[in-house]
Amino acid sequence: PAGTKSFALIVHDPDAPTGVGGFTHWM
């Protein structure tokens, strides 16, 4: 989008049986 100054990336597994809403593999 116009005005983008940086990005952030999250890779998340919502199906991981963690009890806390999944597992973040990379940010």
PDB file of all heavy atoms in Angstrom:
ATOM      1  N   PRO A   1       0.827  -1.213   0.000  1.00  0.00           N
ATOM      2  CA  PRO A   1       0.000   0.000   0.000  1.00  0.00           C
ATOM      3  C   PRO A   1       0.863   1.266   0.000  1.00  0.00           C
ATOM      4  O   PRO A   1       1.975   1.276   0.534  1.00  0.00           O
ATOM      5  CB  PRO A   1      -0.787  -0.097   1.313  1.00  0.00           C
ATOM      6  CG  PRO A   1      -0.664  -1.500   1.772  1.00  0.00           C
ATOM      7  CD  PRO A   1       0.607  -2.029   1.188  1.00  0.00           C
ATOM      8  N   ALA A   2       0.344   2.329  -0.562  1.00  0.00           N
ATOM      9  CA  ALA A   2       1.027   3.625  -0.518  1.00  0.00           C
ATOM     10  C   ALA A   2       1.266   4.000   0.938  1.00  0.00           C
ATOM     11  O   ALA A   2       0.421   3.750   1.798  1.00  0.00           O
ATOM     12  CB  ALA A   2       0.172   4.691  -1.207  1.00  0.00           C
ATOM     13  N   GLY A   3       2.411   4.549   1.221  1.00  0.00           N
ATOM     14  CA  GLY A   3       2.734   4.968   2.582  1.00  0.00           C
ATOM     15  C   GLY A   3       3.411   3.886   3.410  1.00  0.00           C
ATOM     16  O   GLY A   3       3.745   4.126   4.574  1.00  0.00           O
ATOM     17  N   THR A   4       3.632   2.703   2.842  1.00  0.00           N
ATOM     18  CA  THR A   4       4.323   1.649   3.587  1.00  0.00           C
ATOM     19  C   THR A   4       5.751   2.086   3.867  1.00  0.00           C
ATOM     20  O   THR A   4       6.477   2.489   2.958  1.00  0.00           O
ATOM     21  CB  THR A   4       4.327   0.324   2.794  1.00  0.00           C
ATOM     22  OG1 THR A   4       2.978  -0.103   2.594  1.00  0.00           O
ATOM     23  CG2 THR A   4       5.109  -0.759   3.523  1.00  0.00           C
ATOM     24  N   LYS A   5       6.151   2.018   5.146  1.00  0.00           N
ATOM     25  CA  LYS A   5       7.503   2.406   5.539  1.00  0.00           C
ATOM     26  C   LYS A   5       8.340   1.214   5.997  1.00  0.00           C
ATOM     27  O   LYS A   5       9.561   1.309   6.068  1.00  0.00           O
ATOM     28  CB  LYS A   5       7.444   3.457   6.639  1.00  0.00           C
ATOM     29  CG  LYS A   5       6.840   4.771   6.153  1.00  0.00           C
ATOM     30  CD  LYS A   5       6.874   5.807   7.241  1.00  0.00           C
ATOM     31  CE  LYS A   5       6.309   7.120   6.727  1.00  0.00           C
ATOM     32  NZ  LYS A   5       6.279   8.138   7.791  1.00  0.00           N
ATOM     33  N   SER A   6       7.685   0.113   6.344  1.00  0.00           N
ATOM     34  CA  SER A   6       8.382  -1.128   6.697  1.00  0.00           C
ATOM     35  C   SER A   6       7.353  -2.251   6.710  1.00  0.00           C
ATOM     36  O   SER A   6       6.155  -2.014   6.559  1.00  0.00           O
ATOM     37  CB  SER A   6       9.087  -1.013   8.061  1.00  0.00           C
ATOM     38  OG  SER A   6       8.143  -0.959   9.113  1.00  0.00           O
ATOM     39  N   PHE A   7       7.864  -3.465   6.888  1.00  0.00           N
ATOM     40  CA  PHE A   7       6.999  -4.644   6.967  1.00  0.00           C
ATOM     41  C   PHE A   7       7.337  -5.448   8.212  1.00  0.00           C
ATOM     42  O   PHE A   7       8.429  -5.342   8.765  1.00  0.00           O
ATOM     43  CB  PHE A   7       7.227  -5.568   5.761  1.00  0.00           C
ATOM     44  CG  PHE A   7       6.859  -4.994   4.434  1.00  0.00           C
ATOM     45  CD1 PHE A   7       7.828  -4.451   3.608  1.00  0.00           C
ATOM     46  CD2 PHE A   7       5.549  -5.011   3.989  1.00  0.00           C
ATOM     47  CE1 PHE A   7       7.504  -3.933   2.368  1.00  0.00           C
ATOM     48  CE2 PHE A   7       5.208  -4.495   2.751  1.00  0.00           C
ATOM     49  CZ  PHE A   7       6.185  -3.957   1.932  1.00  0.00           C
ATOM     50  N   ALA A   8       6.389  -6.279   8.620  1.00  0.00           N
ATOM     51  CA  ALA A   8       6.612  -7.285   9.656  1.00  0.00           C
ATOM     52  C   ALA A   8       5.972  -8.580   9.160  1.00  0.00           C
ATOM     53  O   ALA A   8       4.931  -8.548   8.500  1.00  0.00           O
ATOM     54  CB  ALA A   8       5.995  -6.861  10.982  1.00  0.00           C
ATOM     55  N   LEU A   9       6.591  -9.693   9.462  1.00  0.00           N
ATOM     56  CA  LEU A   9       6.115 -11.008   9.038  1.00  0.00           C
ATOM     57  C   LEU A   9       5.960 -11.908  10.255  1.00  0.00           C
ATOM     58  O   LEU A   9       6.852 -11.953  11.112  1.00  0.00           O
ATOM     59  CB  LEU A   9       7.124 -11.647   8.077  1.00  0.00           C
ATOM     60  CG  LEU A   9       6.860 -13.105   7.701  1.00  0.00           C
ATOM     61  CD1 LEU A   9       5.697 -13.200   6.721  1.00  0.00           C
ATOM     62  CD2 LEU A   9       8.118 -13.747   7.127  1.00  0.00           C
ATOM     63  N   ILE A  10       4.838 -12.606  10.320  1.00  0.00           N
ATOM     64  CA  ILE A  10       4.629 -13.615  11.357  1.00  0.00           C
ATOM     65  C   ILE A  10       4.247 -14.917  10.667  1.00  0.00           C
ATOM     66  O   ILE A  10       3.386 -14.933   9.785  1.00  0.00           O
ATOM     67  CB  ILE A  10       3.525 -13.210  12.347  1.00  0.00           C
ATOM     68  CG1 ILE A  10       3.907 -11.937  13.092  1.00  0.00           C
ATOM     69  CG2 ILE A  10       3.251 -14.347  13.341  1.00  0.00           C
ATOM     70  CD1 ILE A  10       2.834 -11.409  14.030  1.00  0.00           C
ATOM     71  N   VAL A  11       4.896 -16.018  11.064  1.00  0.00           N
ATOM     72  CA  VAL A  11       4.536 -17.359  10.591  1.00  0.00           C
ATOM     73  C   VAL A  11       4.032 -18.109  11.813  1.00  0.00           C
ATOM     74  O   VAL A  11       4.775 -18.333  12.775  1.00  0.00           O
ATOM     75  CB  VAL A  11       5.726 -18.086   9.948  1.00  0.00           C
ATOM     76  CG1 VAL A  11       5.309 -19.478   9.485  1.00  0.00           C
ATOM     77  CG2 VAL A  11       6.285 -17.269   8.793  1.00  0.00           C
ATOM     78  N   HIS A  12       2.759 -18.463  11.769  1.00  0.00           N
ATOM     79  CA  HIS A  12       2.076 -19.011  12.935  1.00  0.00           C
ATOM     80  C   HIS A  12       1.351 -20.310  12.577  1.00  0.00           C
ATOM     81  O   HIS A  12       0.786 -20.429  11.498  1.00  0.00           O
ATOM     82  CB  HIS A  12       1.058 -17.978  13.456  1.00  0.00           C
ATOM     83  CG  HIS A  12       0.413 -18.355  14.729  1.00  0.00           C
ATOM     84  ND1 HIS A  12       1.050 -18.300  15.939  1.00  0.00           N
ATOM     85  CD2 HIS A  12      -0.836 -18.818  14.979  1.00  0.00           C
ATOM     86  CE1 HIS A  12       0.220 -18.699  16.888  1.00  0.00           C
ATOM     87  NE2 HIS A  12      -0.922 -19.020  16.324  1.00  0.00           N
ATOM     88  N   ASP A  13       1.380 -21.266  13.484  1.00  0.00           N
ATOM     89  CA  ASP A  13       0.652 -22.532  13.356  1.00  0.00           C
ATOM     90  C   ASP A  13      -0.505 -22.501  14.350  1.00  0.00           C
ATOM     91  O   ASP A  13      -0.301 -22.726  15.538  1.00  0.00           O
ATOM     92  CB  ASP A  13       1.585 -23.702  13.648  1.00  0.00           C
ATOM     93  CG  ASP A  13       0.881 -25.054  13.711  1.00  0.00           C
ATOM     94  OD1 ASP A  13      -0.357 -25.120  13.497  1.00  0.00           O
ATOM     95  OD2 ASP A  13       1.573 -26.051  13.985  1.00  0.00           O
ATOM     96  N   PRO A  14      -1.719 -22.186  13.881  1.00  0.00           N
ATOM     97  CA  PRO A  14      -2.849 -22.120  14.809  1.00  0.00           C
ATOM     98  C   PRO A  14      -3.320 -23.489  15.290  1.00  0.00           C
ATOM     99  O   PRO A  14      -4.110 -23.568  16.223  1.00  0.00           O
ATOM    100  CB  PRO A  14      -3.938 -21.432  13.979  1.00  0.00           C
ATOM    101  CG  PRO A  14      -3.618 -21.805  12.572  1.00  0.00           C
ATOM    102  CD  PRO A  14      -2.118 -21.863  12.507  1.00  0.00           C
ATOM    103  N   ASP A  15      -2.813 -24.557  14.663  1.00  0.00           N
ATOM    104  CA  ASP A  15      -3.252 -25.910  15.008  1.00  0.00           C
ATOM    105  C   ASP A  15      -2.358 -26.605  16.029  1.00  0.00           C
ATOM    106  O   ASP A  15      -2.648 -27.724  16.440  1.00  0.00           O
ATOM    107  CB  ASP A  15      -3.323 -26.761  13.733  1.00  0.00           C
ATOM    108  CG  ASP A  15      -4.255 -26.147  12.705  1.00  0.00           C
ATOM    109  OD1 ASP A  15      -5.403 -25.825  13.064  1.00  0.00           O
ATOM    110  OD2 ASP A  15      -3.824 -25.960  11.551  1.00  0.00           O
ATOM    111  N   ALA A  16      -1.266 -25.977  16.423  1.00  0.00           N
ATOM    112  CA  ALA A  16      -0.352 -26.592  17.387  1.00  0.00           C
ATOM    113  C   ALA A  16      -1.062 -26.776  18.727  1.00  0.00           C
ATOM    114  O   ALA A  16      -1.719 -25.852  19.219  1.00  0.00           O
ATOM    115  CB  ALA A  16       0.881 -25.722  17.557  1.00  0.00           C
ATOM    116  N   PRO A  17      -0.931 -27.947  19.308  1.00  0.00           N
ATOM    117  CA  PRO A  17      -1.622 -28.234  20.574  1.00  0.00           C
ATOM    118  C   PRO A  17      -0.868 -27.677  21.780  1.00  0.00           C
ATOM    119  O   PRO A  17      -0.344 -28.404  22.608  1.00  0.00           O
ATOM    120  CB  PRO A  17      -1.668 -29.762  20.592  1.00  0.00           C
ATOM    121  CG  PRO A  17      -0.432 -30.174  19.852  1.00  0.00           C
ATOM    122  CD  PRO A  17      -0.235 -29.131  18.788  1.00  0.00           C
ATOM    123  N   THR A  18      -0.805 -26.346  21.865  1.00  0.00           N
ATOM    124  CA  THR A  18      -0.027 -25.709  22.930  1.00  0.00           C
ATOM    125  C   THR A  18      -0.862 -25.276  24.133  1.00  0.00           C
ATOM    126  O   THR A  18      -0.312 -25.016  25.189  1.00  0.00           O
ATOM    127  CB  THR A  18       0.683 -24.457  22.388  1.00  0.00           C
ATOM    128  OG1 THR A  18      -0.319 -23.537  21.947  1.00  0.00           O
ATOM    129  CG2 THR A  18       1.624 -24.799  21.249  1.00  0.00           C
ATOM    130  N   GLY A  19      -2.156 -25.115  23.923  1.00  0.00           N
ATOM    131  CA  GLY A  19      -3.003 -24.602  24.995  1.00  0.00           C
ATOM    132  C   GLY A  19      -2.992 -23.091  25.092  1.00  0.00           C
ATOM    133  O   GLY A  19      -3.679 -22.518  25.929  1.00  0.00           O
ATOM    134  N   VAL A  20      -2.199 -22.428  24.247  1.00  0.00           N
ATOM    135  CA  VAL A  20      -2.122 -20.963  24.278  1.00  0.00           C
ATOM    136  C   VAL A  20      -2.354 -20.343  22.903  1.00  0.00           C
ATOM    137  O   VAL A  20      -1.837 -19.274  22.606  1.00  0.00           O
ATOM    138  CB  VAL A  20      -0.774 -20.470  24.862  1.00  0.00           C
ATOM    139  CG1 VAL A  20      -0.653 -20.827  26.328  1.00  0.00           C
ATOM    140  CG2 VAL A  20       0.397 -21.009  24.058  1.00  0.00           C
ATOM    141  N   GLY A  21      -3.112 -21.004  22.061  1.00  0.00           N
ATOM    142  CA  GLY A  21      -3.476 -20.409  20.779  1.00  0.00           C
ATOM    143  C   GLY A  21      -2.503 -20.647  19.649  1.00  0.00           C
ATOM    144  O   GLY A  21      -2.408 -19.831  18.743  1.00  0.00           O
ATOM    145  N   GLY A  22      -1.779 -21.726  19.688  1.00  0.00           N
ATOM    146  CA  GLY A  22      -0.902 -22.053  18.579  1.00  0.00           C
ATOM    147  C   GLY A  22       0.561 -21.820  18.880  1.00  0.00           C
ATOM    148  O   GLY A  22       0.966 -21.693  20.034  1.00  0.00           O
ATOM    149  N   PHE A  23       1.351 -21.760  17.803  1.00  0.00           N
ATOM    150  CA  PHE A  23       2.807 -21.728  17.911  1.00  0.00           C
ATOM    151  C   PHE A  23       3.348 -20.784  16.847  1.00  0.00           C
ATOM    152  O   PHE A  23       3.008 -20.907  15.671  1.00  0.00           O
ATOM    153  CB  PHE A  23       3.335 -23.149  17.670  1.00  0.00           C
ATOM    154  CG  PHE A  23       4.755 -23.387  18.078  1.00  0.00           C
ATOM    155  CD1 PHE A  23       5.048 -23.839  19.352  1.00  0.00           C
ATOM    156  CD2 PHE A  23       5.790 -23.193  17.186  1.00  0.00           C
ATOM    157  CE1 PHE A  23       6.364 -24.088  19.736  1.00  0.00           C
ATOM    158  CE2 PHE A  23       7.098 -23.432  17.552  1.00  0.00           C
ATOM    159  CZ  PHE A  23       7.392 -23.886  18.828  1.00  0.00           C
ATOM    160  N   THR A  24       4.189 -19.833  17.247  1.00  0.00           N
ATOM    161  CA  THR A  24       4.789 -18.904  16.305  1.00  0.00           C
ATOM    162  C   THR A  24       6.155 -19.435  15.896  1.00  0.00           C
ATOM    163  O   THR A  24       7.058 -19.566  16.723  1.00  0.00           O
ATOM    164  CB  THR A  24       4.909 -17.496  16.906  1.00  0.00           C
ATOM    165  OG1 THR A  24       3.595 -17.036  17.223  1.00  0.00           O
ATOM    166  CG2 THR A  24       5.546 -16.533  15.921  1.00  0.00           C
ATOM    167  N   HIS A  25       6.299 -19.744  14.602  1.00  0.00           N
ATOM    168  CA  HIS A  25       7.535 -20.315  14.070  1.00  0.00           C
ATOM    169  C   HIS A  25       8.561 -19.263  13.696  1.00  0.00           C
ATOM    170  O   HIS A  25       9.759 -19.541  13.679  1.00  0.00           O
ATOM    171  CB  HIS A  25       7.226 -21.183  12.845  1.00  0.00           C
ATOM    172  CG  HIS A  25       6.582 -22.472  13.216  1.00  0.00           C
ATOM    173  ND1 HIS A  25       7.301 -23.619  13.408  1.00  0.00           N
ATOM    174  CD2 HIS A  25       5.291 -22.788  13.455  1.00  0.00           C
ATOM    175  CE1 HIS A  25       6.481 -24.597  13.744  1.00  0.00           C
ATOM    176  NE2 HIS A  25       5.252 -24.114  13.790  1.00  0.00           N
ATOM    177  N   TRP A  26       8.069 -18.049  13.381  1.00  0.00           N
ATOM    178  CA  TRP A  26       9.011 -17.023  12.934  1.00  0.00           C
ATOM    179  C   TRP A  26       8.329 -15.677  12.997  1.00  0.00           C
ATOM    180  O   TRP A  26       7.152 -15.549  12.651  1.00  0.00           O
ATOM    181  CB  TRP A  26       9.404 -17.308  11.499  1.00  0.00           C
ATOM    182  CG  TRP A  26      10.671 -16.732  10.971  1.00  0.00           C
ATOM    183  CD1 TRP A  26      11.781 -16.334  11.668  1.00  0.00           C
ATOM    184  CD2 TRP A  26      10.977 -16.538   9.596  1.00  0.00           C
ATOM    185  NE1 TRP A  26      12.752 -15.905  10.804  1.00  0.00           N
ATOM    186  CE2 TRP A  26      12.282 -16.029   9.508  1.00  0.00           C
ATOM    187  CE3 TRP A  26      10.270 -16.739   8.417  1.00  0.00           C
ATOM    188  CZ2 TRP A  26      12.897 -15.718   8.311  1.00  0.00           C
ATOM    189  CZ3 TRP A  26      10.878 -16.444   7.216  1.00  0.00           C
ATOM    190  CH2 TRP A  26      12.182 -15.943   7.166  1.00  0.00           C
ATOM    191  N   MET A  27       9.067 -14.670  13.430  1.00  0.00           N
ATOM    192  CA  MET A  27       8.576 -13.297  13.379  1.00  0.00           C
ATOM    193  C   MET A  27       9.755 -12.412  13.026  1.00  0.00           C
ATOM    194  O   MET A  27      10.794 -12.456  13.680  1.00  0.00           O
ATOM    195  CB  MET A  27       7.963 -12.857  14.694  1.00  0.00           C
ATOM    196  CG  MET A  27       7.410 -11.459  14.606  1.00  0.00           C
ATOM    197  SD  MET A  27       6.371 -11.064  16.004  1.00  0.00           S
ATOM    198  CE  MET A  27       5.915  -9.421  15.543  1.00  0.00           C
TER     199      MET A  27
END
